[in-house]
Amino acid sequence: MIVPPLAAYLTIPGFSEIIATTGAGVIGYTYLFGVLWGIGGLTYGLGVRYLGVSLGSSIILGLCMVFGAIIPAIYYDFNAVVGKDTFSTMLASSWGLTVLAGLLICVLGIIVSGKAGIMKEKELQSTGTDPHGSSIATEYKFGLGMLVSIISGVLSACFNFGLEAGQSMANEANALWVAAHPGQGEFLYRNNVVYVVLLWGGLTTNLVWCLILNAKNKTFGDYSNSATPLGSNYIFSALAGTTWFLQFFFYGMGESKLGNGPSSWILHMAFIILVANVWGLLLKEWKGVSKKTTQTIIAGIAIIILSVLLVGYGNSLH
């Protein structure tokens, strides 16, 4: 609610005028995709609850990556836009086939990582505690978990759909910057204006759901409960929100150089999965598992790294 408009204000002079002069259809679709993306984020927790962290996260993030990368390209096959790569173009070019090969290899890495996660959960359940000594409580429901995870994965990809829907705003910001800075290339921060609308959609979903839960659980008083460390809670919540937004801030910068095609989204999602798994190893979340399970997660990480290199190479051929 605060950081996206602030980032746009600091980087794009007159960003509010760009939004105000944009057609209602563009604003509406960008906002709608933000709302749907917010639902995807909410259902992520349910997917993890019913399938476990490793399997649930692998399915959700994998679907998000695939749908977010492929669906816009297929859409542009039927609704051509200048400067946008189509799926048929990718199939007919060496760079496109290389990027798609990288996507498939990344999916394979996600599957291997998910397999390692299942192995880990089974082994730790047999001991009754996690690596930190806490007892394990599971609510494993495969059918329901798969349904929720598929919904979450597809809807989470709506973030990239929203970026595509709001590209006219980014293009306007880019045109104004290029006119004022001739010969200096493309505008690095042009996507910040799109984030204002897109993330307001996500805010709407989360705000409504939080208010529903507050009413249901009668917890409105917690926001002013002096018995709790309110100052620390608000400060750390604000820091978490700001840090969370920075992933999109830097993604927008990278996209302005790569172009908002499949490559940008694949690399973004692949690194989220990769870094999460690496942090899991560094924080010893895999402590206490068998050698085979450790080797499996390392293999999954290695495959994802290979996919990142392949996608990067394919993009360099473009």
Protein backbone atom coordinates (compact mmCIF):
# COMPACT_ATOMS: atom_id res chain seq x y z
CA MET A 1 0.00 0.00 0.00
CA ILE A 2 2.87 2.37 0.82
CA VAL A 3 6.13 1.07 -0.64
CA PRO A 4 5.02 0.52 -4.29
CA PRO A 5 3.70 4.10 -4.74
CA LEU A 6 6.77 5.40 -2.91
CA ALA A 7 9.09 3.48 -5.22
CA ALA A 8 7.18 4.77 -8.24
CA TYR A 9 7.31 8.33 -6.90
CA LEU A 10 11.07 8.16 -6.40
CA THR A 11 11.83 6.64 -9.80
CA ILE A 12 9.13 7.80 -12.23
CA PRO A 13 8.27 11.52 -12.37
CA GLY A 14 4.54 11.94 -12.92
CA PHE A 15 3.68 8.26 -12.40
CA SER A 16 0.23 9.18 -11.10
CA GLU A 17 -0.55 11.02 -14.35
CA ILE A 18 0.42 7.91 -16.32
CA ILE A 19 -2.04 5.84 -14.28
CA ALA A 20 -4.75 8.51 -14.52
CA THR A 21 -4.52 8.68 -18.32
CA THR A 22 -4.42 4.91 -18.84
CA GLY A 23 -7.56 3.27 -20.18
CA ALA A 24 -10.00 1.69 -17.73
CA GLY A 25 -9.59 -1.69 -19.42
CA VAL A 26 -5.83 -1.80 -18.79
CA ILE A 27 -6.24 -0.65 -15.19
CA GLY A 28 -9.06 -3.13 -14.62
CA TYR A 29 -7.24 -6.17 -15.99
CA THR A 30 -4.01 -5.29 -14.18
CA TYR A 31 -5.90 -4.87 -10.90
CA LEU A 32 -7.92 -8.08 -11.49
CA PHE A 33 -4.80 -10.13 -12.08
CA GLY A 34 -3.42 -8.67 -8.85
CA VAL A 35 -6.53 -9.85 -7.00
CA LEU A 36 -6.20 -13.35 -8.50
CA TRP A 37 -2.49 -13.43 -7.67
CA GLY A 38 -3.41 -12.55 -4.08
CA ILE A 39 -5.76 -15.54 -3.95
CA GLY A 40 -2.90 -17.69 -5.23
CA GLY A 41 -0.76 -16.46 -2.35
CA LEU A 42 -3.46 -17.25 0.21
CA THR A 43 -4.02 -20.78 -1.10
CA TYR A 44 -0.26 -21.40 -1.08
CA GLY A 45 -0.45 -21.90 2.67
CA LEU A 46 -3.22 -24.49 2.31
CA GLY A 47 -1.24 -26.39 -0.32
CA VAL A 48 1.74 -26.60 2.02
CA ARG A 49 -0.56 -27.56 4.89
CA TYR A 50 -2.04 -30.55 3.08
CA LEU A 51 0.99 -31.73 1.06
CA GLY A 52 3.93 -30.66 3.19
CA VAL A 53 6.41 -27.86 2.58
CA SER A 54 8.59 -29.57 -0.01
CA LEU A 55 5.97 -31.26 -2.17
CA GLY A 56 3.45 -28.42 -1.88
CA SER A 57 6.00 -25.70 -2.67
CA SER A 58 7.44 -27.66 -5.59
CA ILE A 59 4.04 -28.16 -7.23
CA ILE A 60 2.86 -24.59 -6.66
CA LEU A 61 6.07 -22.84 -7.74
CA GLY A 62 6.51 -25.22 -10.66
CA LEU A 63 3.02 -24.53 -12.01
CA CYS A 64 3.46 -20.81 -11.39
CA MET A 65 6.68 -20.82 -13.41
CA VAL A 66 5.29 -22.86 -16.32
CA PHE A 67 1.97 -21.00 -16.65
CA GLY A 68 3.54 -17.59 -16.10
CA ALA A 69 6.12 -18.26 -18.81
CA ILE A 70 4.03 -20.02 -21.45
CA ILE A 71 0.48 -18.60 -21.30
CA PRO A 72 1.43 -15.00 -22.29
CA ALA A 73 3.43 -16.33 -25.26
CA ILE A 74 0.45 -18.42 -26.39
CA TYR A 75 -1.86 -15.42 -25.94
CA TYR A 76 0.33 -13.34 -28.25
CA ASP A 77 -0.04 -16.01 -30.92
CA PHE A 78 -3.72 -15.05 -31.14
CA ASN A 79 -3.37 -11.36 -30.23
CA ALA A 80 -0.10 -10.16 -31.75
CA VAL A 81 1.66 -7.25 -30.04
CA VAL A 82 4.75 -5.61 -31.48
CA GLY A 83 7.85 -6.58 -29.53
CA LYS A 84 6.22 -9.58 -27.81
CA ASP A 85 7.47 -13.11 -28.46
CA THR A 86 4.87 -15.71 -29.41
CA PHE A 87 4.94 -19.39 -28.56
CA SER A 88 5.11 -20.36 -32.24
CA THR A 89 8.12 -18.05 -32.67
CA MET A 90 9.85 -19.79 -29.80
CA LEU A 91 9.19 -23.20 -31.32
CA ALA A 92 10.61 -22.05 -34.65
CA SER A 93 13.83 -20.51 -33.30
CA SER A 94 16.98 -21.87 -31.68
CA TRP A 95 16.82 -19.36 -28.83
CA GLY A 96 13.19 -20.22 -28.12
CA LEU A 97 13.82 -23.97 -28.12
CA THR A 98 16.79 -23.44 -25.81
CA VAL A 99 14.67 -21.44 -23.37
CA LEU A 100 11.90 -24.06 -23.46
CA ALA A 101 14.49 -26.79 -22.88
CA GLY A 102 15.68 -24.81 -19.86
CA LEU A 103 12.08 -24.60 -18.63
CA LEU A 104 11.63 -28.38 -18.91
CA ILE A 105 14.93 -29.04 -17.13
CA CYS A 106 13.88 -26.68 -14.34
CA VAL A 107 10.60 -28.59 -13.98
CA LEU A 108 12.68 -31.77 -13.70
CA GLY A 109 14.77 -30.12 -10.99
CA ILE A 110 11.60 -29.16 -9.13
CA ILE A 111 10.34 -32.75 -9.35
CA VAL A 112 13.63 -34.09 -7.98
CA SER A 113 13.58 -31.50 -5.18
CA GLY A 114 9.99 -32.42 -4.38
CA LYS A 115 10.96 -36.09 -4.28
CA ALA A 116 13.73 -35.23 -1.82
CA GLY A 117 11.19 -33.34 0.26
CA ILE A 118 8.86 -36.33 0.40
CA MET A 119 11.76 -38.57 1.42
CA LYS A 120 12.74 -36.09 4.13
CA GLU A 121 9.21 -35.80 5.52
CA LYS A 122 8.82 -39.59 5.71
CA GLU A 123 12.16 -40.02 7.46
CA LEU A 124 11.53 -37.24 9.99
CA GLN A 125 7.98 -38.43 10.68
CA SER A 126 9.42 -41.77 11.71
CA THR A 127 11.44 -40.00 14.42
CA GLY A 128 8.59 -37.69 15.44
CA THR A 129 10.67 -34.49 15.52
CA ASP A 130 12.08 -32.01 13.03
CA PRO A 131 15.80 -31.00 12.86
CA HIS A 132 15.20 -28.34 15.54
CA GLY A 133 13.63 -30.75 18.03
CA SER A 134 10.00 -29.72 17.55
CA SER A 135 7.34 -32.38 17.29
CA ILE A 136 5.87 -32.90 13.83
CA ALA A 137 2.14 -32.50 13.30
CA THR A 138 0.90 -33.32 9.82
CA GLU A 139 -2.44 -32.98 8.08
CA TYR A 140 -1.61 -34.84 4.89
CA LYS A 141 -4.53 -34.90 2.41
CA PHE A 142 -3.20 -35.70 -1.05
CA GLY A 143 -6.35 -35.15 -3.13
CA LEU A 144 -7.36 -31.89 -1.48
CA GLY A 145 -3.74 -30.76 -1.34
CA MET A 146 -3.23 -31.36 -5.07
CA LEU A 147 -6.42 -29.44 -5.92
CA VAL A 148 -5.47 -26.46 -3.76
CA SER A 149 -1.86 -26.50 -5.00
CA ILE A 150 -2.93 -26.50 -8.65
CA ILE A 151 -5.28 -23.56 -8.01
CA SER A 152 -2.53 -21.72 -6.14
CA GLY A 153 0.08 -22.37 -8.83
CA VAL A 154 -2.14 -21.19 -11.67
CA LEU A 155 -3.41 -18.10 -9.85
CA SER A 156 0.08 -17.16 -8.62
CA ALA A 157 1.14 -16.95 -12.28
CA CYS A 158 -1.37 -14.10 -12.62
CA PHE A 159 1.34 -11.77 -11.35
CA ASN A 160 3.12 -12.12 -14.68
CA PHE A 161 -0.21 -11.81 -16.51
CA GLY A 162 -0.75 -8.54 -14.64
CA LEU A 163 2.64 -7.24 -15.75
CA GLU A 164 1.73 -8.04 -19.33
CA ALA A 165 -1.70 -6.41 -18.98
CA GLY A 166 -0.15 -3.22 -17.62
CA GLN A 167 2.71 -2.95 -20.12
CA SER A 168 1.18 0.11 -21.77
CA MET A 169 1.84 2.04 -18.54
CA ALA A 170 5.44 0.80 -18.45
CA ASN A 171 5.85 1.69 -22.12
CA GLU A 172 4.57 5.21 -21.46
CA ALA A 173 7.02 5.65 -18.57
CA ASN A 174 9.79 4.32 -20.81
CA ALA A 175 8.88 6.66 -23.68
CA LEU A 176 8.88 9.71 -21.41
CA TRP A 177 12.26 8.76 -19.95
CA VAL A 178 13.84 8.00 -23.34
CA ALA A 179 12.63 11.37 -24.67
CA ALA A 180 14.23 13.14 -21.71
CA HIS A 181 17.43 11.05 -21.85
CA PRO A 182 18.21 10.38 -25.53
CA GLY A 183 20.88 7.83 -26.27
CA GLN A 184 20.84 6.28 -22.78
CA GLY A 185 18.91 3.11 -23.59
CA GLU A 186 15.74 1.80 -21.98
CA PHE A 187 14.29 2.99 -18.67
CA LEU A 188 15.39 0.67 -15.87
CA TYR A 189 12.48 1.43 -13.50
CA ARG A 190 9.57 1.54 -15.93
CA ASN A 191 7.70 -1.39 -14.31
CA ASN A 192 7.32 0.44 -11.00
CA VAL A 193 4.23 2.22 -12.29
CA VAL A 194 2.58 -1.13 -13.09
CA TYR A 195 3.32 -2.44 -9.60
CA VAL A 196 1.20 0.30 -8.05
CA VAL A 197 -1.96 -1.06 -9.68
CA LEU A 198 -1.01 -4.73 -9.63
CA LEU A 199 -0.02 -4.85 -5.97
CA TRP A 200 -3.09 -2.88 -4.94
CA GLY A 201 -5.03 -5.83 -6.35
CA GLY A 202 -3.04 -8.21 -4.18
CA LEU A 203 -3.55 -5.92 -1.20
CA THR A 204 -7.31 -6.05 -1.72
CA THR A 205 -7.39 -9.84 -1.51
CA ASN A 206 -5.21 -10.02 1.59
CA LEU A 207 -6.93 -7.12 3.35
CA VAL A 208 -10.40 -8.57 2.83
CA TRP A 209 -9.29 -12.02 4.02
CA CYS A 210 -7.55 -10.59 7.10
CA LEU A 211 -10.65 -8.59 8.02
CA ILE A 212 -12.79 -11.71 7.65
CA LEU A 213 -10.45 -13.65 9.95
CA ASN A 214 -10.34 -10.74 12.43
CA ALA A 215 -14.14 -10.73 12.57
CA LYS A 216 -14.37 -14.51 12.81
CA ASN A 217 -11.75 -14.82 15.56
CA LYS A 218 -12.61 -11.52 17.27
CA THR A 219 -8.99 -10.35 17.07
CA PHE A 220 -9.36 -6.70 16.05
CA GLY A 221 -8.09 -5.75 19.50
CA ASP A 222 -4.72 -7.37 18.81
CA TYR A 223 -3.67 -4.35 16.75
CA SER A 224 -3.64 -2.21 19.89
CA ASN A 225 -2.99 -4.84 22.58
CA SER A 226 -0.43 -3.18 24.89
CA ALA A 227 0.45 -6.55 26.41
CA THR A 228 2.27 -7.44 23.19
CA PRO A 229 5.43 -5.80 21.74
CA LEU A 230 3.47 -3.63 19.31
CA GLY A 231 6.43 -1.48 18.29
CA SER A 232 8.62 -4.41 17.35
CA ASN A 233 5.75 -6.20 15.64
CA TYR A 234 4.91 -3.23 13.43
CA ILE A 235 8.56 -2.47 12.64
CA PHE A 236 9.43 -6.03 11.66
CA SER A 237 6.19 -6.38 9.69
CA ALA A 238 7.06 -3.20 7.77
CA LEU A 239 10.60 -4.47 7.14
CA ALA A 240 9.25 -7.80 5.94
CA GLY A 241 6.81 -6.09 3.57
CA THR A 242 9.50 -3.79 2.21
CA THR A 243 11.96 -6.65 1.70
CA TRP A 244 9.24 -8.70 0.04
CA PHE A 245 8.50 -5.85 -2.40
CA LEU A 246 12.16 -5.54 -3.32
CA GLN A 247 12.01 -8.87 -5.17
CA PHE A 248 9.60 -7.24 -7.62
CA PHE A 249 11.58 -4.02 -7.70
CA PHE A 250 14.73 -5.82 -8.83
CA TYR A 251 12.76 -8.19 -11.08
CA GLY A 252 11.36 -5.15 -12.87
CA MET A 253 14.86 -3.82 -13.37
CA GLY A 254 16.02 -7.13 -14.86
CA GLU A 255 12.91 -7.44 -17.02
CA SER A 256 13.55 -4.00 -18.51
CA LYS A 257 16.80 -5.42 -19.89
CA LEU A 258 15.68 -8.95 -20.78
CA GLY A 259 12.13 -8.14 -21.85
CA ASN A 260 9.04 -9.54 -20.14
CA GLY A 261 9.11 -12.78 -22.10
CA PRO A 262 9.40 -16.34 -20.78
CA SER A 263 13.11 -15.94 -19.94
CA SER A 264 12.54 -13.27 -17.28
CA TRP A 265 9.81 -15.17 -15.47
CA ILE A 266 11.61 -18.53 -15.65
CA LEU A 267 14.80 -17.07 -14.20
CA HIS A 268 12.85 -15.27 -11.47
CA MET A 269 10.96 -18.37 -10.35
CA ALA A 270 13.96 -20.69 -10.74
CA PHE A 271 16.05 -18.52 -8.43
CA ILE A 272 13.26 -18.41 -5.82
CA ILE A 273 13.19 -22.22 -5.77
CA LEU A 274 16.98 -22.48 -5.93
CA VAL A 275 17.71 -20.02 -3.13
CA ALA A 276 15.00 -21.52 -0.91
CA ASN A 277 16.54 -24.97 -1.24
CA VAL A 278 20.08 -23.69 -0.68
CA TRP A 279 18.99 -21.81 2.45
CA GLY A 280 17.37 -25.02 3.64
CA LEU A 281 20.73 -26.77 3.39
CA LEU A 282 22.65 -23.93 5.05
CA LEU A 283 20.16 -23.72 7.92
CA LYS A 284 20.46 -27.50 8.41
CA GLU A 285 16.81 -28.20 7.68
CA TRP A 286 18.00 -31.46 6.12
CA LYS A 287 19.90 -32.52 9.23
CA GLY A 288 19.05 -36.03 10.34
CA VAL A 289 18.01 -37.36 6.94
CA SER A 290 19.71 -40.19 5.09
CA LYS A 291 22.65 -39.72 2.73
CA LYS A 292 20.42 -40.70 -0.19
CA THR A 293 17.92 -37.94 0.64
CA THR A 294 20.70 -35.34 0.92
CA GLN A 295 22.12 -36.43 -2.41
CA THR A 296 18.66 -36.15 -3.97
CA ILE A 297 18.12 -32.52 -2.88
CA ILE A 298 21.64 -31.61 -4.03
CA ALA A 299 20.86 -33.21 -7.39
CA GLY A 300 17.66 -31.15 -7.60
CA ILE A 301 19.58 -27.95 -6.89
CA ALA A 302 22.21 -28.85 -9.50
CA ILE A 303 19.52 -29.47 -12.14
CA ILE A 304 17.88 -26.11 -11.42
CA ILE A 305 21.26 -24.37 -11.70
CA LEU A 306 21.73 -26.05 -15.09
CA SER A 307 18.30 -24.82 -16.20
CA VAL A 308 19.17 -21.24 -15.19
CA LEU A 309 22.36 -21.38 -17.25
CA LEU A 310 20.47 -22.82 -20.22
CA VAL A 311 17.73 -20.19 -20.10
CA GLY A 312 20.36 -17.46 -19.83
CA TYR A 313 22.20 -18.87 -22.82
CA GLY A 314 18.98 -19.11 -24.83
CA ASN A 315 18.17 -15.49 -24.05
CA SER A 316 21.63 -14.45 -25.23
CA LEU A 317 20.83 -15.99 -28.62
CA HIS A 318 17.70 -13.86 -28.97
